[in-house]
Amino acid sequence: MTIGLLTLHLGIPACASLKEKRSRLKPLIHRLHRQFNISVAEMNLQDKWQEAVIACAMVNSDRAHIQRSLQAVVEWVERNWPDMDVMDDRLEII
């Protein structure tokens, strides 16, 4: 069994409140879960209006599949959520 963990540090420059940040993150988290069949949660910077850290986790027996799938998540977020900037991404395979 192999576990993949992708951490995304996102910049959300147009947010002016925590409520607005939540309203932008919630659809992203839901779509990632549905589109890629992964577990997703906000992990850090919950008190910052214009930044967020989300973690995506996947379990599979094929290490290469996990790596390809989680890399596709990064590309998908960059392509489909133009109001958010991927400031940093970290992929760990355990």
C-alpha atoms as a PDB file:
ATOM      1  CA  MET A   1       0.000   0.000   0.000  1.00  0.00           C
ATOM      2  CA  THR A   2       1.296   3.416  -0.997  1.00  0.00           C
ATOM      3  CA  ILE A   3       0.057   6.775   0.297  1.00  0.00           C
ATOM      4  CA  GLY A   4       0.434  10.017  -1.604  1.00  0.00           C
ATOM      5  CA  LEU A   5       0.100  13.411   0.065  1.00  0.00           C
ATOM      6  CA  LEU A   6      -0.063  16.624  -1.916  1.00  0.00           C
ATOM      7  CA  THR A   7       0.109  19.934  -0.055  1.00  0.00           C
ATOM      8  CA  LEU A   8      -0.919  23.074  -1.942  1.00  0.00           C
ATOM      9  CA  HIS A   9      -0.189  26.572  -0.660  1.00  0.00           C
ATOM     10  CA  LEU A  10      -2.739  28.778  -2.374  1.00  0.00           C
ATOM     11  CA  GLY A  11      -2.897  32.522  -2.716  1.00  0.00           C
ATOM     12  CA  ILE A  12      -6.391  34.013  -2.984  1.00  0.00           C
ATOM     13  CA  PRO A  13      -5.674  37.706  -3.638  1.00  0.00           C
ATOM     14  CA  ALA A  14      -9.259  38.909  -4.136  1.00  0.00           C
ATOM     15  CA  CYS A  15     -10.548  37.758  -0.727  1.00  0.00           C
ATOM     16  CA  ALA A  16     -11.510  40.449   1.767  1.00  0.00           C
ATOM     17  CA  SER A  17     -12.807  38.254   4.600  1.00  0.00           C
ATOM     18  CA  LEU A  18     -12.651  34.755   6.042  1.00  0.00           C
ATOM     19  CA  LYS A  19     -16.235  34.187   4.939  1.00  0.00           C
ATOM     20  CA  GLU A  20     -15.329  35.004   1.344  1.00  0.00           C
ATOM     21  CA  LYS A  21     -12.267  32.749   1.568  1.00  0.00           C
ATOM     22  CA  ARG A  22     -14.435  29.841   2.759  1.00  0.00           C
ATOM     23  CA  SER A  23     -16.920  30.475  -0.033  1.00  0.00           C
ATOM     24  CA  ARG A  24     -14.116  30.142  -2.600  1.00  0.00           C
ATOM     25  CA  LEU A  25     -12.358  27.158  -1.008  1.00  0.00           C
ATOM     26  CA  LYS A  26     -15.429  25.020  -0.397  1.00  0.00           C
ATOM     27  CA  PRO A  27     -16.276  24.499  -4.104  1.00  0.00           C
ATOM     28  CA  LEU A  28     -12.620  23.781  -4.898  1.00  0.00           C
ATOM     29  CA  ILE A  29     -12.348  21.147  -2.167  1.00  0.00           C
ATOM     30  CA  HIS A  30     -15.623  19.557  -3.256  1.00  0.00           C
ATOM     31  CA  ARG A  31     -14.606  19.457  -6.944  1.00  0.00           C
ATOM     32  CA  LEU A  32     -11.182  17.971  -6.164  1.00  0.00           C
ATOM     33  CA  HIS A  33     -12.794  15.225  -4.115  1.00  0.00           C
ATOM     34  CA  ARG A  34     -15.346  14.449  -6.806  1.00  0.00           C
ATOM     35  CA  GLN A  35     -13.085  14.838  -9.863  1.00  0.00           C
ATOM     36  CA  PHE A  36     -10.021  12.947  -8.593  1.00  0.00           C
ATOM     37  CA  ASN A  37     -11.520  10.660  -5.904  1.00  0.00           C
ATOM     38  CA  ILE A  38      -9.118  11.974  -3.262  1.00  0.00           C
ATOM     39  CA  SER A  39      -9.466  13.167   0.315  1.00  0.00           C
ATOM     40  CA  VAL A  40      -9.060  16.942   0.623  1.00  0.00           C
ATOM     41  CA  ALA A  41      -8.980  19.277   3.627  1.00  0.00           C
ATOM     42  CA  GLU A  42      -7.827  22.763   4.555  1.00  0.00           C
ATOM     43  CA  MET A  43      -4.837  22.226   6.816  1.00  0.00           C
ATOM     44  CA  ASN A  44      -3.251  25.550   7.708  1.00  0.00           C
ATOM     45  CA  LEU A  45      -3.572  29.336   7.568  1.00  0.00           C
ATOM     46  CA  GLN A  46      -7.263  29.224   8.466  1.00  0.00           C
ATOM     47  CA  ASP A  47      -7.014  32.737   9.942  1.00  0.00           C
ATOM     48  CA  LYS A  48      -5.462  34.364   6.863  1.00  0.00           C
ATOM     49  CA  TRP A  49      -7.850  35.918   4.367  1.00  0.00           C
ATOM     50  CA  GLN A  50      -5.724  35.631   1.257  1.00  0.00           C
ATOM     51  CA  GLU A  51      -3.852  32.356   1.792  1.00  0.00           C
ATOM     52  CA  ALA A  52      -4.765  28.730   2.357  1.00  0.00           C
ATOM     53  CA  VAL A  53      -3.020  25.390   2.641  1.00  0.00           C
ATOM     54  CA  ILE A  54      -4.956  22.364   1.484  1.00  0.00           C
ATOM     55  CA  ALA A  55      -3.837  18.744   1.614  1.00  0.00           C
ATOM     56  CA  CYS A  56      -4.899  16.022  -0.815  1.00  0.00           C
ATOM     57  CA  ALA A  57      -4.387  12.361   0.052  1.00  0.00           C
ATOM     58  CA  MET A  58      -4.619   9.240  -2.088  1.00  0.00           C
ATOM     59  CA  VAL A  59      -4.043   5.554  -1.338  1.00  0.00           C
ATOM     60  CA  ASN A  60      -3.203   3.034  -4.057  1.00  0.00           C
ATOM     61  CA  SER A  61      -0.914   0.085  -4.659  1.00  0.00           C
ATOM     62  CA  ASP A  62       0.729   1.752  -7.687  1.00  0.00           C
ATOM     63  CA  ARG A  63       3.238   4.468  -6.763  1.00  0.00           C
ATOM     64  CA  ALA A  64       3.427   5.831 -10.328  1.00  0.00           C
ATOM     65  CA  HIS A  65      -0.363   6.167 -10.525  1.00  0.00           C
ATOM     66  CA  ILE A  66      -0.426   8.214  -7.319  1.00  0.00           C
ATOM     67  CA  GLN A  67       2.339  10.484  -8.557  1.00  0.00           C
ATOM     68  CA  ARG A  68       0.635  11.073 -11.937  1.00  0.00           C
ATOM     69  CA  SER A  69      -2.770  11.647 -10.351  1.00  0.00           C
ATOM     70  CA  LEU A  70      -1.579  14.131  -7.732  1.00  0.00           C
ATOM     71  CA  GLN A  71       0.531  16.011 -10.291  1.00  0.00           C
ATOM     72  CA  ALA A  72      -2.615  16.247 -12.417  1.00  0.00           C
ATOM     73  CA  VAL A  73      -4.360  17.856  -9.418  1.00  0.00           C
ATOM     74  CA  VAL A  74      -1.784  20.676  -9.363  1.00  0.00           C
ATOM     75  CA  GLU A  75      -2.156  21.272 -13.097  1.00  0.00           C
ATOM     76  CA  TRP A  76      -5.953  21.136 -12.868  1.00  0.00           C
ATOM     77  CA  VAL A  77      -6.086  23.732 -10.074  1.00  0.00           C
ATOM     78  CA  GLU A  78      -3.748  26.067 -11.985  1.00  0.00           C
ATOM     79  CA  ARG A  79      -5.794  25.697 -15.166  1.00  0.00           C
ATOM     80  CA  ASN A  80      -9.354  25.748 -13.772  1.00  0.00           C
ATOM     81  CA  TRP A  81      -9.187  28.123 -10.775  1.00  0.00           C
ATOM     82  CA  PRO A  82      -7.619  31.324 -12.164  1.00  0.00           C
ATOM     83  CA  ASP A  83      -8.646  33.375  -9.110  1.00  0.00           C
ATOM     84  CA  MET A  84      -6.254  31.264  -6.971  1.00  0.00           C
ATOM     85  CA  ASP A  85      -2.491  31.129  -7.310  1.00  0.00           C
ATOM     86  CA  VAL A  86      -0.614  27.930  -6.515  1.00  0.00           C
ATOM     87  CA  MET A  87       2.247  29.497  -4.560  1.00  0.00           C
ATOM     88  CA  ASP A  88       3.851  26.159  -3.649  1.00  0.00           C
ATOM     89  CA  ASP A  89       3.129  22.469  -3.964  1.00  0.00           C
ATOM     90  CA  ARG A  90       4.755  19.515  -2.222  1.00  0.00           C
ATOM     91  CA  LEU A  91       4.196  15.893  -3.166  1.00  0.00           C
ATOM     92  CA  GLU A  92       5.161  13.157  -0.701  1.00  0.00           C
ATOM     93  CA  ILE A  93       4.901   9.452  -1.395  1.00  0.00           C
ATOM     94  CA  ILE A  94       4.958   7.190   1.670  1.00  0.00           C
END
